Amino acid sequence: MRKRILYIGNDLQVNSFTATYISFFSKMLKKEGYKVRTASTRNNKALRLGEMLSMIIRYKDSTDIVLIDTYGALNFYYAYLVGKACQMLNMEYIPILHGGNLPDRLQGSGKLSKSLFGNAKINIAPSKFLYDSFRSYGFDNIKIIPNSINTENYPFKERSEFRPKLLWVRRFQKRYNPLMALKVLQIIKERYPNASLCMVGPEKDGTMATCKKLASKFDLDVRFTGKLKKQHWAQLASNYDFFINTTSIDNTPISVIEAMSLGLAVVSTNVGGMPVLVEDGFDGILVPENDERAMASKIMELIGNPDEARRICENARAKVELFDWNLVKNQWNKVLA
């Protein structure tokens, strides 16, 4: 008999540019026969935390295990408090680790981290990057299960040519360095006047407004779509040839995995878990953090060498097929058995 799961995370489908991982993962678990409750869809942070904790208490007798989406920024404290509630009620819980800044949290909040992660049944890391970080801080109760997608929802497009058409998908937030994407476009435009950029994602900290001013100032061809559902940006991707990931902090972002599945040539900053997800020169390109000239140069090299770009994209698609839910689900079934 499948276990009864209470899945705690930020299920902000309405307020996010794309469905969060909890939305996808909870649906997949239900298809496997698990009974799954989720929390929370509340946008207000205080109400969200209140709902998370109240559901722990309300369903403690009808829950076999609690899954906790765990990030390194403010949401870390949500996870800590949820974990503490589980400990008080003798409920098993599993933190699912997200976010390239979790290693900083291990260092900066050592006592809280030891309480949350040390008392977990097991911690699930989506990458060797986080796995190694947690092991270095003495956590042995950790296992790698990669982030998963349904690859059939992200069909591979084989490109005969690679044009200077760039796609960027993230929240407009300083940590994801969206300004770098416009600087890359500005450099590429010097050689390719028809170069364009599409930026998908919602405003977070005022960065979008800054990007729009820069695009206008330098007459850059930039489209700002705002938030989009996954299927919509996946359809949009067929009009573009490069996926640029300009972030300063990262783990193994789902958006990059999806881009690899779609056949976009991925060019990313070499930060966090990215060198674990992308093998430089084989299934993607990695450049130094905040180095727009290096990123623009690599993109222009691939434009001039479409055979090389196609090889990289084909290798990327082969890699992400290993992230398909039909393969990953067996690992989760073993953990939840």
C-alpha atoms as a PDB file:
ATOM      1  CA  MET A   1       0.000   0.000   0.000  1.00  0.00           C
ATOM      2  CA  ARG A   2       1.350   3.416  -0.982  1.00  0.00           C
ATOM      3  CA  LYS A   3       2.111   5.867   1.805  1.00  0.00           C
ATOM      4  CA  ARG A   4       0.080   8.935   2.659  1.00  0.00           C
ATOM      5  CA  ILE A   5       2.150  12.042   1.968  1.00  0.00           C
ATOM      6  CA  LEU A   6       1.892  15.617   3.158  1.00  0.00           C
ATOM      7  CA  TYR A   7       3.975  17.737   0.796  1.00  0.00           C
ATOM      8  CA  ILE A   8       4.987  21.143   2.176  1.00  0.00           C
ATOM      9  CA  GLY A   9       6.291  23.795  -0.203  1.00  0.00           C
ATOM     10  CA  ASN A  10       5.441  26.970  -2.101  1.00  0.00           C
ATOM     11  CA  ASP A  11       2.725  25.839  -4.485  1.00  0.00           C
ATOM     12  CA  LEU A  12       2.408  29.324  -5.987  1.00  0.00           C
ATOM     13  CA  GLN A  13       1.119  28.349  -9.419  1.00  0.00           C
ATOM     14  CA  VAL A  14      -0.972  31.488  -9.758  1.00  0.00           C
ATOM     15  CA  ASN A  15       1.779  33.890  -8.748  1.00  0.00           C
ATOM     16  CA  SER A  16       4.788  32.261 -10.369  1.00  0.00           C
ATOM     17  CA  PHE A  17       5.947  32.507 -13.967  1.00  0.00           C
ATOM     18  CA  THR A  18       5.719  28.737 -14.119  1.00  0.00           C
ATOM     19  CA  ALA A  19       4.329  25.959 -11.982  1.00  0.00           C
ATOM     20  CA  THR A  20       6.691  25.256  -9.088  1.00  0.00           C
ATOM     21  CA  TYR A  21       8.281  21.825  -8.660  1.00  0.00           C
ATOM     22  CA  ILE A  22       5.784  20.837  -5.982  1.00  0.00           C
ATOM     23  CA  SER A  23       2.993  21.097  -8.561  1.00  0.00           C
ATOM     24  CA  PHE A  24       4.698  18.725 -10.997  1.00  0.00           C
ATOM     25  CA  PHE A  25       6.048  16.310  -8.390  1.00  0.00           C
ATOM     26  CA  SER A  26       2.800  15.987  -6.422  1.00  0.00           C
ATOM     27  CA  LYS A  27       0.921  15.102  -9.618  1.00  0.00           C
ATOM     28  CA  MET A  28       3.481  12.444 -10.490  1.00  0.00           C
ATOM     29  CA  LEU A  29       3.281  10.931  -6.997  1.00  0.00           C
ATOM     30  CA  LYS A  30      -0.497  10.753  -7.231  1.00  0.00           C
ATOM     31  CA  LYS A  31      -0.181   8.879 -10.531  1.00  0.00           C
ATOM     32  CA  GLU A  32       2.012   6.374  -8.703  1.00  0.00           C
ATOM     33  CA  GLY A  33      -0.828   5.719  -6.260  1.00  0.00           C
ATOM     34  CA  TYR A  34       0.256   7.851  -3.311  1.00  0.00           C
ATOM     35  CA  LYS A  35      -2.314   9.907  -1.451  1.00  0.00           C
ATOM     36  CA  VAL A  36      -0.849  13.416  -1.488  1.00  0.00           C
ATOM     37  CA  ARG A  37      -1.900  16.619   0.249  1.00  0.00           C
ATOM     38  CA  THR A  38      -0.001  19.836  -0.493  1.00  0.00           C
ATOM     39  CA  ALA A  39       0.506  23.212   1.147  1.00  0.00           C
ATOM     40  CA  SER A  40       0.600  26.055   0.569  1.00  0.00           C
ATOM     41  CA  THR A  41      -0.916  28.138  -2.220  1.00  0.00           C
ATOM     42  CA  ARG A  42      -1.062  31.246  -0.025  1.00  0.00           C
ATOM     43  CA  ASN A  43       0.810  34.237  -1.419  1.00  0.00           C
ATOM     44  CA  ASN A  44       0.998  36.043   1.934  1.00  0.00           C
ATOM     45  CA  LYS A  45       4.054  34.666   3.715  1.00  0.00           C
ATOM     46  CA  ALA A  46       2.563  34.658   7.214  1.00  0.00           C
ATOM     47  CA  LEU A  47      -0.614  32.940   6.029  1.00  0.00           C
ATOM     48  CA  ARG A  48       1.453  30.457   4.043  1.00  0.00           C
ATOM     49  CA  LEU A  49       3.513  29.463   7.071  1.00  0.00           C
ATOM     50  CA  GLY A  50       0.374  29.266   9.212  1.00  0.00           C
ATOM     51  CA  GLU A  51      -1.283  26.930   6.733  1.00  0.00           C
ATOM     52  CA  MET A  52       1.816  24.739   6.506  1.00  0.00           C
ATOM     53  CA  LEU A  53       2.011  24.292  10.277  1.00  0.00           C
ATOM     54  CA  SER A  54      -1.727  23.853  10.748  1.00  0.00           C
ATOM     55  CA  MET A  55      -1.805  21.072   8.165  1.00  0.00           C
ATOM     56  CA  ILE A  56       0.977  19.244  10.003  1.00  0.00           C
ATOM     57  CA  ILE A  57      -1.147  19.256  13.151  1.00  0.00           C
ATOM     58  CA  ARG A  58      -4.447  18.581  11.381  1.00  0.00           C
ATOM     59  CA  TYR A  59      -3.244  15.588   9.376  1.00  0.00           C
ATOM     60  CA  LYS A  60      -0.639  14.088  11.735  1.00  0.00           C
ATOM     61  CA  ASP A  61      -2.692  10.910  12.210  1.00  0.00           C
ATOM     62  CA  SER A  62      -3.407  10.430   8.512  1.00  0.00           C
ATOM     63  CA  THR A  63       0.120  11.154   7.220  1.00  0.00           C
ATOM     64  CA  ASP A  64       2.900   8.604   6.897  1.00  0.00           C
ATOM     65  CA  ILE A  65       5.637  10.973   5.776  1.00  0.00           C
ATOM     66  CA  VAL A  66       6.145  14.709   5.173  1.00  0.00           C
ATOM     67  CA  LEU A  67       8.072  16.030   2.180  1.00  0.00           C
ATOM     68  CA  ILE A  68       9.538  19.519   2.646  1.00  0.00           C
ATOM     69  CA  ASP A  69      10.783  21.663  -0.245  1.00  0.00           C
ATOM     70  CA  THR A  70      13.844  23.346   1.240  1.00  0.00           C
ATOM     71  CA  TYR A  71      15.628  26.447  -0.051  1.00  0.00           C
ATOM     72  CA  GLY A  72      18.515  28.525   1.229  1.00  0.00           C
ATOM     73  CA  ALA A  73      16.961  31.982   1.483  1.00  0.00           C
ATOM     74  CA  LEU A  74      13.975  33.070   3.625  1.00  0.00           C
ATOM     75  CA  ASN A  75      12.074  29.874   2.879  1.00  0.00           C
ATOM     76  CA  PHE A  76      14.717  27.958   4.832  1.00  0.00           C
ATOM     77  CA  TYR A  77      13.014  29.114   8.010  1.00  0.00           C
ATOM     78  CA  TYR A  78       9.687  27.709   6.789  1.00  0.00           C
ATOM     79  CA  ALA A  79      11.368  24.351   6.307  1.00  0.00           C
ATOM     80  CA  TYR A  80      13.037  24.567   9.710  1.00  0.00           C
ATOM     81  CA  LEU A  81       9.764  25.291  11.515  1.00  0.00           C
ATOM     82  CA  VAL A  82       7.941  22.555   9.597  1.00  0.00           C
ATOM     83  CA  GLY A  83      10.728  20.113  10.446  1.00  0.00           C
ATOM     84  CA  LYS A  84      10.566  21.152  14.103  1.00  0.00           C
ATOM     85  CA  ALA A  85       6.810  20.531  14.143  1.00  0.00           C
ATOM     86  CA  CYS A  86       7.371  17.077  12.641  1.00  0.00           C
ATOM     87  CA  GLN A  87       9.950  16.296  15.322  1.00  0.00           C
ATOM     88  CA  MET A  88       7.568  17.338  18.105  1.00  0.00           C
ATOM     89  CA  LEU A  89       4.800  15.147  16.652  1.00  0.00           C
ATOM     90  CA  ASN A  90       7.118  12.189  15.883  1.00  0.00           C
ATOM     91  CA  MET A  91       6.439  12.406  12.153  1.00  0.00           C
ATOM     92  CA  GLU A  92       8.991  11.248   9.589  1.00  0.00           C
ATOM     93  CA  TYR A  93      10.048  13.940   7.134  1.00  0.00           C
ATOM     94  CA  ILE A  94      12.262  14.272   4.055  1.00  0.00           C
ATOM     95  CA  PRO A  95      13.714  17.640   3.002  1.00  0.00           C
ATOM     96  CA  ILE A  96      13.961  17.994  -0.783  1.00  0.00           C
ATOM     97  CA  LEU A  97      16.900  20.308  -1.347  1.00  0.00           C
ATOM     98  CA  HIS A  98      16.691  23.190  -3.820  1.00  0.00           C
ATOM     99  CA  GLY A  99      18.777  26.278  -4.405  1.00  0.00           C
ATOM    100  CA  GLY A 100      22.461  26.847  -5.013  1.00  0.00           C
ATOM    101  CA  ASN A 101      22.758  28.948  -1.842  1.00  0.00           C
ATOM    102  CA  LEU A 102      21.977  26.096   0.574  1.00  0.00           C
ATOM    103  CA  PRO A 103      25.711  25.557   1.270  1.00  0.00           C
ATOM    104  CA  ASP A 104      25.830  29.140   2.563  1.00  0.00           C
ATOM    105  CA  ARG A 105      22.921  28.295   4.849  1.00  0.00           C
ATOM    106  CA  LEU A 106      24.790  25.270   6.222  1.00  0.00           C
ATOM    107  CA  GLN A 107      27.646  27.570   7.156  1.00  0.00           C
ATOM    108  CA  GLY A 108      25.617  30.540   8.380  1.00  0.00           C
ATOM    109  CA  SER A 109      22.885  28.671  10.280  1.00  0.00           C
ATOM    110  CA  GLY A 110      24.751  25.625  11.518  1.00  0.00           C
ATOM    111  CA  LYS A 111      22.611  24.876  14.573  1.00  0.00           C
ATOM    112  CA  LEU A 112      19.299  25.206  12.710  1.00  0.00           C
ATOM    113  CA  SER A 113      20.650  23.171   9.799  1.00  0.00           C
ATOM    114  CA  LYS A 114      21.803  20.389  12.115  1.00  0.00           C
ATOM    115  CA  SER A 115      18.347  20.240  13.678  1.00  0.00           C
ATOM    116  CA  LEU A 116      16.472  20.230  10.363  1.00  0.00           C
ATOM    117  CA  PHE A 117      18.694  18.003   8.239  1.00  0.00           C
ATOM    118  CA  GLY A 118      20.233  15.856  10.957  1.00  0.00           C
ATOM    119  CA  ASN A 119      16.849  14.634  12.222  1.00  0.00           C
ATOM    120  CA  ALA A 120      15.388  13.936   8.777  1.00  0.00           C
ATOM    121  CA  LYS A 121      14.683  10.395   7.620  1.00  0.00           C
ATOM    122  CA  ILE A 122      16.819  11.264   4.629  1.00  0.00           C
ATOM    123  CA  ASN A 123      17.682  14.403   2.657  1.00  0.00           C
ATOM    124  CA  ILE A 124      17.204  14.341  -1.113  1.00  0.00           C
ATOM    125  CA  ALA A 125      19.732  16.287  -3.203  1.00  0.00           C
ATOM    126  CA  PRO A 126      19.038  16.821  -6.908  1.00  0.00           C
ATOM    127  CA  SER A 127      22.737  17.054  -7.737  1.00  0.00           C
ATOM    128  CA  LYS A 128      26.172  15.916  -6.659  1.00  0.00           C
ATOM    129  CA  PHE A 129      26.932  19.573  -5.964  1.00  0.00           C
ATOM    130  CA  LEU A 130      24.524  19.701  -3.008  1.00  0.00           C
ATOM    131  CA  TYR A 131      25.253  16.092  -2.058  1.00  0.00           C
ATOM    132  CA  ASP A 132      28.954  16.856  -1.676  1.00  0.00           C
ATOM    133  CA  SER A 133      28.229  20.082   0.209  1.00  0.00           C
ATOM    134  CA  PHE A 134      26.045  18.308   2.755  1.00  0.00           C
ATOM    135  CA  ARG A 135      28.530  15.465   3.151  1.00  0.00           C
ATOM    136  CA  SER A 136      31.286  17.991   3.845  1.00  0.00           C
ATOM    137  CA  TYR A 137      29.233  19.296   6.776  1.00  0.00           C
ATOM    138  CA  GLY A 138      28.849  15.795   8.213  1.00  0.00           C
ATOM    139  CA  PHE A 139      25.392  14.841   6.939  1.00  0.00           C
ATOM    140  CA  ASP A 140      25.389  11.150   6.000  1.00  0.00           C
ATOM    141  CA  ASN A 141      21.613  10.823   5.634  1.00  0.00           C
ATOM    142  CA  ILE A 142      21.561  12.134   2.093  1.00  0.00           C
ATOM    143  CA  LYS A 143      20.795  10.648  -1.315  1.00  0.00           C
ATOM    144  CA  ILE A 144      20.889  11.988  -4.881  1.00  0.00           C
ATOM    145  CA  ILE A 145      17.650  11.894  -6.873  1.00  0.00           C
ATOM    146  CA  PRO A 146      17.721  14.319  -9.808  1.00  0.00           C
ATOM    147  CA  ASN A 147      15.039  16.872 -10.572  1.00  0.00           C
ATOM    148  CA  SER A 148      12.661  15.323 -13.052  1.00  0.00           C
ATOM    149  CA  ILE A 149      10.598  16.357 -16.073  1.00  0.00           C
ATOM    150  CA  ASN A 150       8.317  14.625 -18.538  1.00  0.00           C
ATOM    151  CA  THR A 151      10.516  14.853 -21.618  1.00  0.00           C
ATOM    152  CA  GLU A 152       7.501  14.235 -23.865  1.00  0.00           C
ATOM    153  CA  ASN A 153       6.264  17.682 -22.818  1.00  0.00           C
ATOM    154  CA  TYR A 154       9.524  19.223 -24.060  1.00  0.00           C
ATOM    155  CA  PRO A 155      10.014  17.846 -27.599  1.00  0.00           C
ATOM    156  CA  PHE A 156      13.454  18.150 -29.141  1.00  0.00           C
ATOM    157  CA  LYS A 157      13.712  20.507 -32.117  1.00  0.00           C
ATOM    158  CA  GLU A 158      16.607  19.869 -34.477  1.00  0.00           C
ATOM    159  CA  ARG A 159      17.929  23.155 -35.827  1.00  0.00           C
ATOM    160  CA  SER A 160      19.560  23.501 -39.253  1.00  0.00           C
ATOM    161  CA  GLU A 161      21.009  26.875 -38.279  1.00  0.00           C
ATOM    162  CA  PHE A 162      21.601  28.790 -35.074  1.00  0.00           C
ATOM    163  CA  ARG A 163      20.556  32.412 -35.227  1.00  0.00           C
ATOM    164  CA  PRO A 164      21.367  35.165 -32.696  1.00  0.00           C
ATOM    165  CA  LYS A 165      17.990  34.635 -31.011  1.00  0.00           C
ATOM    166  CA  LEU A 166      18.355  34.252 -27.251  1.00  0.00           C
ATOM    167  CA  LEU A 167      15.917  33.029 -24.602  1.00  0.00           C
ATOM    168  CA  TRP A 168      16.199  33.737 -20.856  1.00  0.00           C
ATOM    169  CA  VAL A 169      13.789  32.198 -18.312  1.00  0.00           C
ATOM    170  CA  ARG A 170      13.921  33.148 -14.629  1.00  0.00           C
ATOM    171  CA  ARG A 171      12.527  35.567 -12.077  1.00  0.00           C
ATOM    172  CA  PHE A 172      13.787  39.124 -12.466  1.00  0.00           C
ATOM    173  CA  GLN A 173      15.930  39.048  -9.358  1.00  0.00           C
ATOM    174  CA  LYS A 174      19.450  40.245  -8.705  1.00  0.00           C
ATOM    175  CA  ARG A 175      20.793  36.772  -7.920  1.00  0.00           C
ATOM    176  CA  TYR A 176      19.851  35.622 -11.440  1.00  0.00           C
ATOM    177  CA  ASN A 177      21.684  38.595 -12.997  1.00  0.00           C
ATOM    178  CA  PRO A 178      19.212  39.414 -15.808  1.00  0.00           C
ATOM    179  CA  LEU A 179      21.185  42.552 -16.706  1.00  0.00           C
ATOM    180  CA  MET A 180      23.969  40.310 -17.965  1.00  0.00           C
ATOM    181  CA  ALA A 181      21.584  38.917 -20.607  1.00  0.00           C
ATOM    182  CA  LEU A 182      21.090  42.402 -22.088  1.00  0.00           C
ATOM    183  CA  LYS A 183      24.822  43.091 -22.018  1.00  0.00           C
ATOM    184  CA  VAL A 184      25.373  39.835 -23.927  1.00  0.00           C
ATOM    185  CA  LEU A 185      22.782  40.909 -26.495  1.00  0.00           C
ATOM    186  CA  GLN A 186      24.398  44.330 -26.821  1.00  0.00           C
ATOM    187  CA  ILE A 187      27.767  42.737 -27.686  1.00  0.00           C
ATOM    188  CA  ILE A 188      26.264  40.252 -30.155  1.00  0.00           C
ATOM    189  CA  LYS A 189      24.323  43.051 -31.860  1.00  0.00           C
ATOM    190  CA  GLU A 190      27.610  44.662 -32.930  1.00  0.00           C
ATOM    191  CA  ARG A 191      28.173  41.716 -35.283  1.00  0.00           C
ATOM    192  CA  TYR A 192      24.561  40.647 -35.812  1.00  0.00           C
ATOM    193  CA  PRO A 193      22.275  43.713 -35.940  1.00  0.00           C
ATOM    194  CA  ASN A 194      19.169  41.464 -36.007  1.00  0.00           C
ATOM    195  CA  ALA A 195      20.038  39.799 -32.686  1.00  0.00           C
ATOM    196  CA  SER A 196      17.099  39.518 -30.278  1.00  0.00           C
ATOM    197  CA  LEU A 197      16.338  38.380 -26.754  1.00  0.00           C
ATOM    198  CA  CYS A 198      13.177  37.108 -25.070  1.00  0.00           C
ATOM    199  CA  MET A 199      13.030  37.300 -21.273  1.00  0.00           C
ATOM    200  CA  VAL A 200      10.407  35.168 -19.537  1.00  0.00           C
ATOM    201  CA  GLY A 201       9.594  35.668 -15.879  1.00  0.00           C
ATOM    202  CA  PRO A 202       7.953  37.933 -13.315  1.00  0.00           C
ATOM    203  CA  GLU A 203       9.354  40.977 -11.568  1.00  0.00           C
ATOM    204  CA  LYS A 204      10.796  40.227  -8.134  1.00  0.00           C
ATOM    205  CA  ASP A 205      12.967  43.084  -6.867  1.00  0.00           C
ATOM    206  CA  GLY A 206      12.750  45.896  -9.435  1.00  0.00           C
ATOM    207  CA  THR A 207      15.308  44.371 -11.791  1.00  0.00           C
ATOM    208  CA  MET A 208      12.870  44.112 -14.704  1.00  0.00           C
ATOM    209  CA  ALA A 209      12.373  47.871 -14.736  1.00  0.00           C
ATOM    210  CA  THR A 210      16.140  48.347 -14.882  1.00  0.00           C
ATOM    211  CA  CYS A 211      16.379  45.869 -17.762  1.00  0.00           C
ATOM    212  CA  LYS A 212      13.650  47.665 -19.700  1.00  0.00           C
ATOM    213  CA  LYS A 213      15.450  50.985 -19.305  1.00  0.00           C
ATOM    214  CA  LEU A 214      18.705  49.466 -20.555  1.00  0.00           C
ATOM    215  CA  ALA A 215      16.969  47.849 -23.544  1.00  0.00           C
ATOM    216  CA  SER A 216      15.404  51.175 -24.479  1.00  0.00           C
ATOM    217  CA  LYS A 217      18.598  53.166 -23.958  1.00  0.00           C
ATOM    218  CA  PHE A 218      20.645  50.974 -26.325  1.00  0.00           C
ATOM    219  CA  ASP A 219      17.805  50.179 -28.737  1.00  0.00           C
ATOM    220  CA  LEU A 220      17.967  46.436 -28.047  1.00  0.00           C
ATOM    221  CA  ASP A 221      15.380  44.040 -29.468  1.00  0.00           C
ATOM    222  CA  VAL A 222      14.095  42.562 -26.202  1.00  0.00           C
ATOM    223  CA  ARG A 223      10.706  41.023 -25.544  1.00  0.00           C
ATOM    224  CA  PHE A 224       9.487  40.878 -21.936  1.00  0.00           C
ATOM    225  CA  THR A 225       6.678  38.320 -21.636  1.00  0.00           C
ATOM    226  CA  GLY A 226       6.132  38.397 -17.884  1.00  0.00           C
ATOM    227  CA  LYS A 227       5.111  35.143 -16.231  1.00  0.00           C
ATOM    228  CA  LEU A 228       4.221  32.235 -18.478  1.00  0.00           C
ATOM    229  CA  LYS A 229       3.057  28.700 -17.842  1.00  0.00           C
ATOM    230  CA  LYS A 230       5.556  25.978 -18.643  1.00  0.00           C
ATOM    231  CA  GLN A 231       3.784  24.793 -21.770  1.00  0.00           C
ATOM    232  CA  HIS A 232       3.649  28.348 -23.098  1.00  0.00           C
ATOM    233  CA  TRP A 233       7.345  29.096 -22.749  1.00  0.00           C
ATOM    234  CA  ALA A 234       8.154  25.640 -24.114  1.00  0.00           C
ATOM    235  CA  GLN A 235       6.147  26.520 -27.243  1.00  0.00           C
ATOM    236  CA  LEU A 236       7.806  29.928 -27.394  1.00  0.00           C
ATOM    237  CA  ALA A 237      11.235  28.269 -27.303  1.00  0.00           C
ATOM    238  CA  SER A 238      10.848  26.948 -30.843  1.00  0.00           C
ATOM    239  CA  ASN A 239      11.376  30.537 -32.080  1.00  0.00           C
ATOM    240  CA  TYR A 240      14.778  30.802 -30.380  1.00  0.00           C
ATOM    241  CA  ASP A 241      18.089  28.961 -30.695  1.00  0.00           C
ATOM    242  CA  PHE A 242      20.079  29.749 -27.539  1.00  0.00           C
ATOM    243  CA  PHE A 243      19.142  29.487 -23.873  1.00  0.00           C
ATOM    244  CA  ILE A 244      21.282  31.744 -21.710  1.00  0.00           C
ATOM    245  CA  ASN A 245      21.564  31.221 -17.964  1.00  0.00           C
ATOM    246  CA  THR A 246      23.217  34.271 -16.385  1.00  0.00           C
ATOM    247  CA  THR A 247      22.770  33.449 -12.728  1.00  0.00           C
ATOM    248  CA  SER A 248      25.231  34.116  -9.899  1.00  0.00           C
ATOM    249  CA  ILE A 249      23.786  31.336  -7.684  1.00  0.00           C
ATOM    250  CA  ASP A 250      22.406  28.046  -8.940  1.00  0.00           C
ATOM    251  CA  ASN A 251      21.960  24.334  -8.375  1.00  0.00           C
ATOM    252  CA  THR A 252      20.438  22.256 -11.199  1.00  0.00           C
ATOM    253  CA  PRO A 253      17.596  24.495 -12.398  1.00  0.00           C
ATOM    254  CA  ILE A 254      14.598  22.838 -14.016  1.00  0.00           C
ATOM    255  CA  SER A 255      14.474  25.606 -16.650  1.00  0.00           C
ATOM    256  CA  VAL A 256      17.922  24.595 -17.932  1.00  0.00           C
ATOM    257  CA  ILE A 257      16.960  20.903 -18.002  1.00  0.00           C
ATOM    258  CA  GLU A 258      13.842  21.808 -19.973  1.00  0.00           C
ATOM    259  CA  ALA A 259      15.865  23.930 -22.407  1.00  0.00           C
ATOM    260  CA  MET A 260      18.258  21.025 -22.991  1.00  0.00           C
ATOM    261  CA  SER A 261      15.295  18.788 -23.735  1.00  0.00           C
ATOM    262  CA  LEU A 262      13.893  21.307 -26.245  1.00  0.00           C
ATOM    263  CA  GLY A 263      17.104  21.399 -28.278  1.00  0.00           C
ATOM    264  CA  LEU A 264      18.219  24.908 -27.355  1.00  0.00           C
ATOM    265  CA  ALA A 265      21.967  25.442 -27.129  1.00  0.00           C
ATOM    266  CA  VAL A 266      22.587  26.177 -23.443  1.00  0.00           C
ATOM    267  CA  VAL A 267      25.206  28.751 -22.490  1.00  0.00           C
ATOM    268  CA  SER A 268      25.477  29.284 -18.732  1.00  0.00           C
ATOM    269  CA  THR A 269      27.600  30.854 -16.058  1.00  0.00           C
ATOM    270  CA  ASN A 270      29.830  28.341 -14.311  1.00  0.00           C
ATOM    271  CA  VAL A 271      28.366  28.612 -10.809  1.00  0.00           C
ATOM    272  CA  GLY A 272      27.037  26.275  -8.123  1.00  0.00           C
ATOM    273  CA  GLY A 273      25.820  22.982  -9.545  1.00  0.00           C
ATOM    274  CA  MET A 274      25.949  24.047 -13.186  1.00  0.00           C
ATOM    275  CA  PRO A 275      29.251  22.235 -13.958  1.00  0.00           C
ATOM    276  CA  VAL A 276      27.602  19.070 -12.620  1.00  0.00           C
ATOM    277  CA  LEU A 277      24.560  19.487 -14.863  1.00  0.00           C
ATOM    278  CA  VAL A 278      26.405  20.793 -17.943  1.00  0.00           C
ATOM    279  CA  GLU A 279      29.665  19.355 -19.242  1.00  0.00           C
ATOM    280  CA  ASP A 280      31.408  22.292 -20.845  1.00  0.00           C
ATOM    281  CA  GLY A 281      31.869  21.809 -24.578  1.00  0.00           C
ATOM    282  CA  PHE A 282      29.978  18.512 -24.637  1.00  0.00           C
ATOM    283  CA  ASP A 283      26.319  19.236 -23.859  1.00  0.00           C
ATOM    284  CA  GLY A 284      26.480  22.952 -23.154  1.00  0.00           C
ATOM    285  CA  ILE A 285      28.836  25.864 -22.691  1.00  0.00           C
ATOM    286  CA  LEU A 286      30.030  27.307 -19.380  1.00  0.00           C
ATOM    287  CA  VAL A 287      31.560  30.760 -18.937  1.00  0.00           C
ATOM    288  CA  PRO A 288      32.816  32.670 -15.881  1.00  0.00           C
ATOM    289  CA  GLU A 289      30.276  34.387 -13.657  1.00  0.00           C
ATOM    290  CA  ASN A 290      29.308  37.914 -14.731  1.00  0.00           C
ATOM    291  CA  ASP A 291      31.444  37.707 -17.894  1.00  0.00           C
ATOM    292  CA  GLU A 292      29.145  38.911 -20.661  1.00  0.00           C
ATOM    293  CA  ARG A 293      31.958  39.102 -23.215  1.00  0.00           C
ATOM    294  CA  ALA A 294      32.837  35.428 -22.725  1.00  0.00           C
ATOM    295  CA  MET A 295      29.191  34.410 -23.067  1.00  0.00           C
ATOM    296  CA  ALA A 296      28.645  36.536 -26.177  1.00  0.00           C
ATOM    297  CA  SER A 297      31.848  35.198 -27.731  1.00  0.00           C
ATOM    298  CA  LYS A 298      30.825  31.566 -27.188  1.00  0.00           C
ATOM    299  CA  ILE A 299      27.376  32.196 -28.665  1.00  0.00           C
ATOM    300  CA  MET A 300      28.879  33.797 -31.766  1.00  0.00           C
ATOM    301  CA  GLU A 301      31.296  30.873 -32.137  1.00  0.00           C
ATOM    302  CA  LEU A 302      28.359  28.452 -32.188  1.00  0.00           C
ATOM    303  CA  ILE A 303      26.444  30.618 -34.677  1.00  0.00           C
ATOM    304  CA  GLY A 304      29.444  30.288 -36.972  1.00  0.00           C
ATOM    305  CA  ASN A 305      29.733  26.552 -36.360  1.00  0.00           C
ATOM    306  CA  PRO A 306      26.214  25.051 -36.514  1.00  0.00           C
ATOM    307  CA  ASP A 307      27.530  21.466 -36.688  1.00  0.00           C
ATOM    308  CA  GLU A 308      29.198  21.945 -33.314  1.00  0.00           C
ATOM    309  CA  ALA A 309      26.054  23.550 -31.906  1.00  0.00           C
ATOM    310  CA  ARG A 310      23.931  20.626 -33.133  1.00  0.00           C
ATOM    311  CA  ARG A 311      26.309  18.130 -31.542  1.00  0.00           C
ATOM    312  CA  ILE A 312      26.065  19.923 -28.198  1.00  0.00           C
ATOM    313  CA  CYS A 313      22.259  20.023 -28.389  1.00  0.00           C
ATOM    314  CA  GLU A 314      21.998  16.324 -29.277  1.00  0.00           C
ATOM    315  CA  ASN A 315      24.255  15.399 -26.348  1.00  0.00           C
ATOM    316  CA  ALA A 316      22.183  17.588 -24.046  1.00  0.00           C
ATOM    317  CA  ARG A 317      18.952  15.876 -25.069  1.00  0.00           C
ATOM    318  CA  ALA A 318      20.521  12.456 -24.480  1.00  0.00           C
ATOM    319  CA  LYS A 319      21.550  13.548 -20.983  1.00  0.00           C
ATOM    320  CA  VAL A 320      18.182  14.925 -19.918  1.00  0.00           C
ATOM    321  CA  GLU A 321      16.404  11.768 -21.004  1.00  0.00           C
ATOM    322  CA  LEU A 322      17.941  10.340 -17.816  1.00  0.00           C
ATOM    323  CA  PHE A 323      15.895  12.951 -15.912  1.00  0.00           C
ATOM    324  CA  ASP A 324      12.610  11.628 -17.293  1.00  0.00           C
ATOM    325  CA  TRP A 325      10.058  10.813 -14.608  1.00  0.00           C
ATOM    326  CA  ASN A 326       9.640   7.260 -15.868  1.00  0.00           C
ATOM    327  CA  LEU A 327      13.234   6.604 -14.780  1.00  0.00           C
ATOM    328  CA  VAL A 328      13.416   8.819 -11.700  1.00  0.00           C
ATOM    329  CA  LYS A 329      10.174   7.500 -10.173  1.00  0.00           C
ATOM    330  CA  ASN A 330      11.765   4.164  -9.298  1.00  0.00           C
ATOM    331  CA  GLN A 331      14.277   5.928  -7.057  1.00  0.00           C
ATOM    332  CA  TRP A 332      11.471   7.773  -5.261  1.00  0.00           C
ATOM    333  CA  ASN A 333       9.422   4.597  -4.827  1.00  0.00           C
ATOM    334  CA  LYS A 334      12.364   3.005  -3.031  1.00  0.00           C
ATOM    335  CA  VAL A 335      12.806   5.999  -0.713  1.00  0.00           C
ATOM    336  CA  LEU A 336       9.099   6.124   0.095  1.00  0.00           C
ATOM    337  CA  ALA A 337       8.659   2.361   0.524  1.00  0.00           C
END
